[in-house]
Amino acid sequence: MSNPLLERLESFQKNDEERQAFFRALIDAYSHLERELTIAKSDHLDQLNSRRMWQDKAQVAEGRLKESQDSAFNESLIVQGAAGGGEAANRVLDNVRRHIQQYDGTHWKIIVRIYANLEGLLKKYAYIGFTEEERTLRQFVTGFTQSQPLFDFVDAGQGKERADHKIKEHLGLFLSNVQCKHVMLGVAHDNGYVPALDPYKSSPATASRISLLRPIRTGWEFQGLPFEFVDFDSFIFRTEELPNDRPSYANLAKTNSSFRPPIPLPTPSNQKPVKAVKDLVMRRPLYPGPIYLNKDEERVDEPLGTVSAKAEARLEARIQHSGKLCNEFNLRGDCLNPRCPYAHEPALDGEELIVFALKARQTACGTGSRCRFRLCVLGHQCPNQRSGGSACPRAHTCYFKKLHQVDPQIDHEHGEF
């Protein structure tokens, strides 16, 4: 005979076991969901950080040039070898930055690639007498590539189609990439590139992402295309095509206004640089001038002395009246760009020329203290450290912060030893 109380007790025990099993299952499920949530939050955070990183990097301006007779670098840069290559790279970078300001591209990363038949250029330059030694052009190419981390001067090999193929393929690749904001091409001298640009001319959004570097002679099929033409400052590229014959320097001076024969190094001298404005005010142009080095073989700028507030005011009034002044014309004595957008005449002289030179030095040279380019008008040391080597008040925000350790004391002239 069964006991009702015992049966109820067994029922309660069974219910307790089921309740305990349910709680255990509930806790296990909660723990599992908590782990899943932690993993999901971690993945979401990774994706968020990755998206922000690519958003920061999705600001690229891409430039492609084709080295040809119609877009050759100025030989005055080429004969300087590596120093000239570095100067060319810095000037290209400055001009591209100036152009993309209209697109709010101040913080864009700039990639520049130049494709050339290097062997053909070597033979051409040697034949017409611009570079007697093969290593000069190779040093120029190396200097250009090494000057900026995202710049490349690529030897595409023999045959025109080699460089053409690379440029056309990369054009499509970058225009299809949303991270590339703008493409600048130096191909408008060659009508063969028009078919490659045809797919993009009908879309205003895509066409606005393309600019063309204005060549010496624009191909007739480029006329009327909806792409903006860009003019670079003088002294980067030639203003006339390379000659077919091997002329003398005298004939070149008469027939080619863009040619400048190699600038010889100064005669060794023990003369130290002048430090008073009165000794400099009548010197025009200021460049090319001597290159001064400190004891560590680092370039330091020639002291130009102090200028009066009246001279600064006169120069500022001139700029307000005439617009931005041309560095090449005033500091180097000539300007090779027939379409130069900057004011020329009347030429600066006296204290105003010194003020203008000091203003140019407020822009840091990209080659820094390693620069040996005799026509460089930019600064090679921090303006706040030229007098007494005092600490720069701008510290790590200064554009010259990489040059703060340069000893400003002149020790000797480049070429003395």
Protein backbone atom coordinates (compact mmCIF):
# COMPACT_ATOMS: atom_id res chain seq x y z
CA MET A 1 0.00 0.00 0.00
CA SER A 2 1.48 3.31 -1.11
CA ASN A 3 2.09 6.18 1.23
CA PRO A 4 0.54 9.46 -0.05
CA LEU A 5 2.99 11.59 1.92
CA LEU A 6 5.98 9.76 0.46
CA GLU A 7 4.58 10.18 -3.06
CA ARG A 8 4.19 13.93 -2.50
CA LEU A 9 7.74 14.15 -1.17
CA GLU A 10 9.07 12.36 -4.23
CA SER A 11 7.05 14.73 -6.42
CA PHE A 12 8.55 17.74 -4.64
CA GLN A 13 12.06 16.33 -5.06
CA LYS A 14 11.45 15.76 -8.78
CA ASN A 15 10.18 19.31 -9.16
CA ASP A 16 13.23 20.64 -7.33
CA GLU A 17 15.54 18.70 -9.64
CA GLU A 18 13.74 19.99 -12.71
CA ARG A 19 13.89 23.55 -11.35
CA GLN A 20 17.63 23.21 -10.66
CA ALA A 21 18.20 21.82 -14.14
CA PHE A 22 16.23 24.75 -15.63
CA PHE A 23 18.26 27.30 -13.66
CA ARG A 24 21.49 25.64 -14.76
CA ALA A 25 20.37 25.68 -18.38
CA LEU A 26 19.31 29.33 -18.02
CA ILE A 27 22.66 30.30 -16.52
CA ASP A 28 24.53 28.41 -19.24
CA ALA A 29 22.50 30.15 -21.93
CA TYR A 30 23.14 33.55 -20.34
CA SER A 31 26.88 32.84 -20.11
CA HIS A 32 26.92 31.81 -23.76
CA LEU A 33 25.08 34.98 -24.83
CA GLU A 34 27.41 37.11 -22.70
CA ARG A 35 30.43 35.58 -24.44
CA GLU A 36 28.82 36.14 -27.84
CA LEU A 37 28.10 39.76 -26.94
CA THR A 38 31.71 40.33 -25.86
CA ILE A 39 32.97 38.90 -29.15
CA ALA A 40 30.46 40.95 -31.14
CA LYS A 41 31.47 44.15 -29.34
CA SER A 42 35.12 43.39 -30.00
CA ASP A 43 34.44 42.75 -33.69
CA HIS A 44 32.38 45.93 -33.94
CA LEU A 45 35.15 47.96 -32.32
CA ASP A 46 37.70 46.47 -34.73
CA GLN A 47 35.49 47.32 -37.69
CA LEU A 48 34.92 50.83 -36.38
CA ASN A 49 38.66 51.42 -35.94
CA SER A 50 39.35 49.92 -39.36
CA ARG A 51 36.71 52.13 -40.99
CA ARG A 52 38.12 55.23 -39.34
CA MET A 53 41.63 54.28 -40.42
CA TRP A 54 40.56 53.85 -44.05
CA GLN A 55 38.55 57.06 -43.89
CA ASP A 56 41.73 58.83 -42.85
CA LYS A 57 43.66 57.13 -45.63
CA ALA A 58 40.94 57.67 -48.22
CA GLN A 59 42.42 61.05 -49.11
CA VAL A 60 44.79 60.41 -51.96
CA ALA A 61 45.72 62.60 -54.89
CA GLU A 62 47.39 60.58 -57.64
CA GLY A 63 49.74 62.16 -60.16
CA ARG A 64 51.19 60.48 -63.22
CA LEU A 65 53.67 62.01 -65.59
CA LYS A 66 55.24 60.63 -68.72
CA GLU A 67 58.77 61.80 -69.33
CA SER A 68 58.95 62.70 -73.00
CA GLN A 69 60.33 65.39 -75.25
CA ASP A 70 57.21 67.44 -74.53
CA SER A 71 57.30 67.07 -70.73
CA ALA A 72 61.00 66.75 -69.96
CA PHE A 73 62.44 68.10 -66.74
CA ASN A 74 64.47 71.25 -67.04
CA GLU A 75 68.08 70.29 -67.68
CA SER A 76 69.26 72.82 -65.11
CA LEU A 77 67.80 70.43 -62.55
CA ILE A 78 69.08 67.29 -64.26
CA VAL A 79 72.72 68.43 -64.34
CA GLN A 80 72.56 68.81 -60.55
CA GLY A 81 72.17 65.04 -60.21
CA ALA A 82 70.58 63.80 -56.98
CA ALA A 83 70.20 67.31 -55.58
CA GLY A 84 68.36 68.42 -58.71
CA GLY A 85 66.11 65.35 -58.53
CA GLY A 86 65.23 66.17 -54.94
CA GLU A 87 64.51 69.79 -55.86
CA ALA A 88 62.31 68.66 -58.77
CA ALA A 89 60.33 66.35 -56.48
CA ASN A 90 59.82 69.10 -53.91
CA ARG A 91 58.65 71.55 -56.55
CA VAL A 92 56.23 69.02 -58.06
CA LEU A 93 54.87 68.34 -54.56
CA ASP A 94 54.41 72.06 -53.86
CA ASN A 95 52.58 72.61 -57.15
CA VAL A 96 50.28 69.63 -56.68
CA ARG A 97 49.45 70.80 -53.15
CA ARG A 98 48.62 74.24 -54.46
CA HIS A 99 46.30 72.76 -57.09
CA ILE A 100 44.35 70.44 -54.77
CA GLN A 101 43.63 73.20 -52.28
CA GLN A 102 40.55 74.01 -54.35
CA TYR A 103 39.25 70.51 -53.54
CA ASP A 104 39.87 70.92 -49.81
CA GLY A 105 42.74 68.47 -50.21
CA THR A 106 45.15 70.04 -47.74
CA HIS A 107 45.63 66.76 -45.88
CA TRP A 108 45.54 64.40 -48.85
CA LYS A 109 48.42 62.01 -49.36
CA ILE A 110 50.06 62.65 -52.74
CA ILE A 111 51.39 59.82 -54.90
CA VAL A 112 53.50 60.73 -57.94
CA ARG A 113 54.77 58.25 -60.50
CA ILE A 114 56.81 59.10 -63.57
CA TYR A 115 57.19 56.52 -66.33
CA ALA A 116 60.03 56.86 -68.81
CA ASN A 117 62.24 54.99 -71.19
CA LEU A 118 65.34 55.73 -69.17
CA GLU A 119 67.76 54.18 -71.66
CA GLY A 120 66.30 56.31 -74.44
CA LEU A 121 66.55 59.46 -72.31
CA LEU A 122 70.17 58.68 -71.45
CA LYS A 123 71.06 58.43 -75.12
CA LYS A 124 69.08 61.57 -76.01
CA TYR A 125 70.54 63.74 -73.26
CA ALA A 126 74.07 62.51 -73.95
CA TYR A 127 73.70 63.18 -77.67
CA ILE A 128 72.47 66.76 -77.31
CA GLY A 129 75.06 67.47 -74.63
CA PHE A 130 72.90 68.00 -71.55
CA THR A 131 74.47 65.19 -69.53
CA GLU A 132 77.88 63.96 -70.57
CA GLU A 133 77.86 61.23 -67.92
CA GLU A 134 75.18 58.56 -67.66
CA ARG A 135 75.31 58.63 -63.88
CA THR A 136 74.09 62.26 -63.78
CA LEU A 137 70.62 61.37 -65.07
CA ARG A 138 70.52 58.20 -62.96
CA GLN A 139 71.42 60.25 -59.88
CA PHE A 140 68.65 62.70 -60.78
CA VAL A 141 66.16 59.82 -60.98
CA THR A 142 67.38 58.44 -57.65
CA GLY A 143 67.19 61.86 -56.00
CA PHE A 144 63.63 62.32 -57.25
CA THR A 145 62.51 58.94 -55.92
CA GLN A 146 64.26 59.23 -52.57
CA SER A 147 63.14 62.79 -51.84
CA GLN A 148 59.49 61.88 -51.13
CA PRO A 149 58.26 58.52 -49.76
CA LEU A 150 55.33 58.28 -52.22
CA PHE A 151 57.25 59.43 -55.32
CA ASP A 152 58.59 56.96 -57.90
CA PHE A 153 60.50 57.52 -61.13
CA VAL A 154 59.91 54.25 -62.99
CA ASP A 155 62.00 52.95 -65.89
CA ALA A 156 59.26 51.46 -68.12
CA GLY A 157 61.75 50.08 -70.64
CA GLN A 158 62.19 50.47 -74.39
CA GLY A 159 59.22 51.37 -76.53
CA LYS A 160 56.58 54.08 -76.20
CA GLU A 161 53.81 51.56 -75.55
CA ARG A 162 55.48 50.37 -72.31
CA ALA A 163 54.86 53.62 -70.43
CA ASP A 164 51.52 54.13 -72.18
CA HIS A 165 50.23 50.74 -71.02
CA LYS A 166 51.20 51.39 -67.41
CA ILE A 167 49.63 54.84 -67.28
CA LYS A 168 46.35 53.71 -68.86
CA GLU A 169 46.02 50.68 -66.58
CA HIS A 170 46.77 52.69 -63.46
CA LEU A 171 44.36 55.41 -64.56
CA GLY A 172 41.46 52.94 -64.56
CA LEU A 173 42.62 51.36 -61.31
CA PHE A 174 42.75 54.60 -59.35
CA LEU A 175 39.61 56.18 -60.79
CA SER A 176 37.64 53.08 -59.73
CA ASN A 177 39.03 53.38 -56.21
CA VAL A 178 36.87 55.57 -53.94
CA GLN A 179 39.93 56.27 -51.80
CA CYS A 180 41.54 58.16 -54.69
CA LYS A 181 40.18 61.68 -54.73
CA HIS A 182 41.95 63.14 -57.76
CA VAL A 183 44.20 62.13 -60.65
CA MET A 184 46.59 64.48 -62.45
CA LEU A 185 48.05 63.32 -65.76
CA GLY A 186 50.97 64.65 -67.78
CA VAL A 187 49.88 63.14 -71.10
CA ALA A 188 48.08 65.95 -72.93
CA HIS A 189 50.82 66.15 -75.56
CA ASP A 190 49.87 62.69 -76.89
CA ASN A 191 46.51 62.25 -78.67
CA GLY A 192 46.85 58.52 -78.09
CA TYR A 193 45.57 58.99 -74.54
CA VAL A 194 42.25 60.53 -75.59
CA PRO A 195 40.49 57.15 -76.06
CA ALA A 196 41.56 56.16 -72.54
CA LEU A 197 39.93 59.33 -71.19
CA ASP A 198 36.73 59.12 -73.27
CA PRO A 199 34.84 56.87 -70.78
CA TYR A 200 35.20 59.53 -68.07
CA LYS A 201 34.31 62.72 -69.94
CA SER A 202 30.54 62.18 -69.87
CA SER A 203 30.35 61.91 -66.08
CA PRO A 204 30.78 65.31 -64.37
CA ALA A 205 31.61 63.63 -61.05
CA THR A 206 34.43 61.60 -62.60
CA ALA A 207 35.64 64.32 -64.96
CA SER A 208 36.08 66.68 -62.00
CA ARG A 209 38.51 64.14 -60.48
CA ILE A 210 40.88 64.42 -63.46
CA SER A 211 43.33 67.24 -64.23
CA LEU A 212 45.81 67.50 -67.10
CA LEU A 213 49.24 69.04 -66.78
CA ARG A 214 49.56 71.61 -69.57
CA PRO A 215 52.33 70.53 -71.97
CA ILE A 216 54.48 72.60 -74.31
CA ARG A 217 52.27 71.57 -77.21
CA THR A 218 48.75 70.29 -76.45
CA GLY A 219 47.38 67.54 -78.69
CA TRP A 220 44.52 68.85 -80.81
CA GLU A 221 42.15 66.06 -79.69
CA PHE A 222 42.39 67.29 -76.08
CA GLN A 223 40.76 70.57 -77.04
CA GLY A 224 37.21 70.71 -75.70
CA LEU A 225 37.58 67.86 -73.20
CA PRO A 226 35.99 68.66 -69.80
CA PHE A 227 39.21 68.24 -67.84
CA GLU A 228 40.96 71.11 -66.09
CA PHE A 229 44.44 72.06 -67.30
CA VAL A 230 47.07 72.81 -64.67
CA ASP A 231 50.12 75.06 -65.05
CA PHE A 232 53.12 74.27 -62.89
CA ASP A 233 55.65 76.89 -61.84
CA SER A 234 58.56 77.59 -64.15
CA PHE A 235 61.90 75.83 -63.82
CA ILE A 236 60.38 72.36 -63.32
CA PHE A 237 59.81 71.33 -66.93
CA ARG A 238 61.24 72.62 -70.17
CA THR A 239 59.35 75.32 -72.04
CA GLU A 240 60.57 74.06 -75.43
CA GLU A 241 60.96 70.59 -76.89
CA LEU A 242 64.33 68.88 -76.75
CA PRO A 243 66.44 69.74 -79.81
CA ASN A 244 67.19 67.05 -82.38
CA ASP A 245 70.77 68.20 -82.97
CA ARG A 246 73.75 68.58 -80.66
CA PRO A 247 74.14 72.38 -80.43
CA SER A 248 76.75 74.27 -78.49
CA TYR A 249 75.91 76.09 -75.27
CA ALA A 250 76.17 79.38 -77.15
CA ASN A 251 73.60 78.28 -79.74
CA LEU A 252 71.36 76.87 -77.04
CA ALA A 253 71.34 80.20 -75.26
CA LYS A 254 70.10 81.84 -78.46
CA THR A 255 67.55 79.22 -79.54
CA ASN A 256 66.28 77.77 -76.26
CA SER A 257 65.31 80.19 -73.55
CA SER A 258 64.77 77.35 -71.05
CA PHE A 259 68.36 76.09 -71.23
CA ARG A 260 70.86 76.93 -68.53
CA PRO A 261 74.36 75.47 -68.79
CA PRO A 262 75.69 73.65 -65.72
CA ILE A 263 76.53 76.04 -62.90
CA PRO A 264 80.20 75.63 -61.88
CA LEU A 265 81.19 75.28 -58.26
CA PRO A 266 82.66 78.45 -56.75
CA THR A 267 86.38 78.98 -56.66
CA PRO A 268 87.75 77.85 -53.27
CA SER A 269 88.01 80.81 -50.97
CA ASN A 270 88.58 81.57 -47.32
CA GLN A 271 86.19 84.46 -47.44
CA LYS A 272 83.41 84.15 -44.86
CA PRO A 273 79.82 85.18 -45.68
CA VAL A 274 78.81 88.76 -45.33
CA LYS A 275 76.41 89.55 -42.50
CA ALA A 276 75.28 93.12 -43.19
CA VAL A 277 72.36 94.09 -45.40
CA LYS A 278 74.26 96.98 -46.89
CA ASP A 279 76.69 94.48 -48.48
CA LEU A 280 73.80 92.53 -50.02
CA VAL A 281 71.20 95.04 -51.12
CA MET A 282 72.72 95.67 -54.54
CA ARG A 283 73.28 92.00 -55.36
CA ARG A 284 70.69 90.89 -57.88
CA PRO A 285 69.76 88.14 -58.35
CA LEU A 286 70.50 86.52 -54.99
CA TYR A 287 70.65 83.02 -56.51
CA PRO A 288 72.66 81.11 -57.50
CA GLY A 289 74.84 81.94 -54.55
CA PRO A 290 77.33 80.09 -52.40
CA ILE A 291 76.22 77.10 -50.32
CA TYR A 292 77.36 77.28 -46.70
CA LEU A 293 77.82 74.26 -44.44
CA ASN A 294 78.33 73.85 -40.71
CA LYS A 295 80.98 71.61 -39.15
CA ASP A 296 78.65 68.61 -39.59
CA GLU A 297 78.42 69.19 -43.38
CA GLU A 298 74.80 70.34 -43.01
CA ARG A 299 73.53 73.21 -45.12
CA VAL A 300 72.78 76.48 -43.34
CA ASP A 301 71.37 79.62 -44.92
CA GLU A 302 73.49 82.65 -45.64
CA PRO A 303 72.71 85.43 -43.13
CA LEU A 304 70.86 88.26 -44.82
CA GLY A 305 70.91 90.54 -41.81
CA THR A 306 67.98 92.58 -40.51
CA VAL A 307 65.61 94.78 -42.47
CA SER A 308 63.55 97.78 -41.51
CA ALA A 309 59.83 97.71 -40.82
CA LYS A 310 59.42 100.24 -43.62
CA ALA A 311 60.89 97.78 -46.14
CA GLU A 312 58.51 95.06 -44.96
CA ALA A 313 55.59 97.48 -45.28
CA ARG A 314 56.66 98.48 -48.81
CA LEU A 315 56.86 94.84 -49.91
CA GLU A 316 53.48 94.05 -48.38
CA ALA A 317 51.96 97.05 -50.16
CA ARG A 318 53.51 95.87 -53.43
CA ILE A 319 51.99 92.39 -52.98
CA GLN A 320 48.60 93.87 -52.12
CA HIS A 321 48.74 96.00 -55.27
CA SER A 322 50.32 93.59 -57.77
CA GLY A 323 49.51 90.17 -56.30
CA LYS A 324 51.92 87.39 -55.38
CA LEU A 325 55.42 87.96 -56.73
CA CYS A 326 57.44 85.46 -58.75
CA ASN A 327 60.27 83.81 -56.80
CA GLU A 328 62.19 82.83 -59.94
CA PHE A 329 62.14 86.29 -61.50
CA ASN A 330 63.10 88.21 -58.36
CA LEU A 331 65.47 85.79 -56.63
CA ARG A 332 67.02 83.99 -59.60
CA GLY A 333 66.93 86.76 -62.16
CA ASP A 334 64.61 85.19 -64.74
CA CYS A 335 61.39 83.24 -65.15
CA LEU A 336 61.09 80.54 -67.79
CA ASN A 337 57.32 80.14 -67.60
CA PRO A 338 55.60 82.11 -70.39
CA ARG A 339 52.28 81.62 -68.55
CA CYS A 340 53.58 82.50 -65.09
CA PRO A 341 50.64 83.70 -62.97
CA TYR A 342 52.81 85.78 -60.63
CA ALA A 343 53.88 89.42 -60.86
CA HIS A 344 57.29 90.30 -62.35
CA GLU A 345 58.05 93.91 -63.14
CA PRO A 346 59.32 96.06 -61.62
CA ALA A 347 62.01 93.82 -60.19
CA LEU A 348 62.62 93.98 -56.47
CA ASP A 349 65.86 95.46 -55.24
CA GLY A 350 67.42 96.82 -52.08
CA GLU A 351 65.91 95.92 -48.75
CA GLU A 352 62.66 94.75 -50.34
CA LEU A 353 64.58 92.00 -52.14
CA ILE A 354 66.06 90.86 -48.82
CA VAL A 355 62.60 90.83 -47.20
CA PHE A 356 61.30 88.78 -50.13
CA ALA A 357 64.18 86.30 -49.80
CA LEU A 358 63.50 85.92 -46.07
CA LYS A 359 59.82 85.27 -46.79
CA ALA A 360 60.77 82.52 -49.26
CA ARG A 361 62.95 80.91 -46.59
CA GLN A 362 59.92 80.55 -44.34
CA THR A 363 59.02 77.50 -46.46
CA ALA A 364 61.14 74.51 -45.48
CA CYS A 365 63.18 72.83 -48.21
CA GLY A 366 62.09 69.20 -48.56
CA THR A 367 65.70 68.03 -48.85
CA GLY A 368 66.58 69.86 -45.63
CA SER A 369 70.19 70.21 -44.58
CA ARG A 370 71.25 67.71 -47.28
CA CYS A 371 70.27 70.12 -50.06
CA ARG A 372 73.14 71.09 -52.38
CA PHE A 373 71.00 72.74 -55.06
CA ARG A 374 72.58 76.11 -55.73
CA LEU A 375 69.33 77.70 -56.94
CA CYS A 376 67.25 76.67 -53.92
CA VAL A 377 65.48 79.69 -52.42
CA LEU A 378 63.77 77.79 -49.58
CA GLY A 379 64.79 77.56 -45.94
CA HIS A 380 67.30 74.99 -44.63
CA GLN A 381 67.08 75.87 -40.95
CA CYS A 382 64.40 77.13 -38.58
CA PRO A 383 63.90 80.92 -38.91
CA ASN A 384 63.55 81.15 -35.12
CA GLN A 385 66.99 79.61 -34.60
CA ARG A 386 69.05 81.68 -36.98
CA SER A 387 70.03 84.15 -34.28
CA GLY A 388 71.85 82.62 -31.36
CA GLY A 389 70.38 79.15 -31.85
CA SER A 390 67.57 79.81 -29.36
CA ALA A 391 64.83 77.24 -28.90
CA CYS A 392 61.94 77.47 -31.34
CA PRO A 393 58.73 78.57 -29.55
CA ARG A 394 56.62 76.43 -31.91
CA ALA A 395 58.50 73.25 -30.93
CA HIS A 396 56.93 70.11 -32.48
CA THR A 397 54.34 72.13 -34.47
CA CYS A 398 57.07 73.95 -36.41
CA TYR A 399 57.43 73.10 -40.12
CA PHE A 400 61.20 73.08 -39.52
CA LYS A 401 61.05 70.69 -36.54
CA LYS A 402 63.26 68.12 -38.31
CA LEU A 403 65.94 70.80 -38.66
CA HIS A 404 65.91 72.03 -35.06
CA GLN A 405 69.09 70.08 -34.28
CA VAL A 406 71.05 71.68 -37.14
CA ASP A 407 73.91 73.85 -35.90
CA PRO A 408 73.29 77.30 -37.51
CA GLN A 409 76.97 78.30 -37.26
CA ILE A 410 78.64 78.52 -40.69
CA ASP A 411 81.91 76.63 -40.85
CA HIS A 412 82.86 76.59 -44.53
CA GLU A 413 81.58 76.94 -48.06
CA HIS A 414 80.56 73.92 -50.11
CA GLY A 415 83.42 73.16 -52.48
CA GLU A 416 86.18 74.66 -50.29
CA PHE A 417 87.66 71.32 -49.32
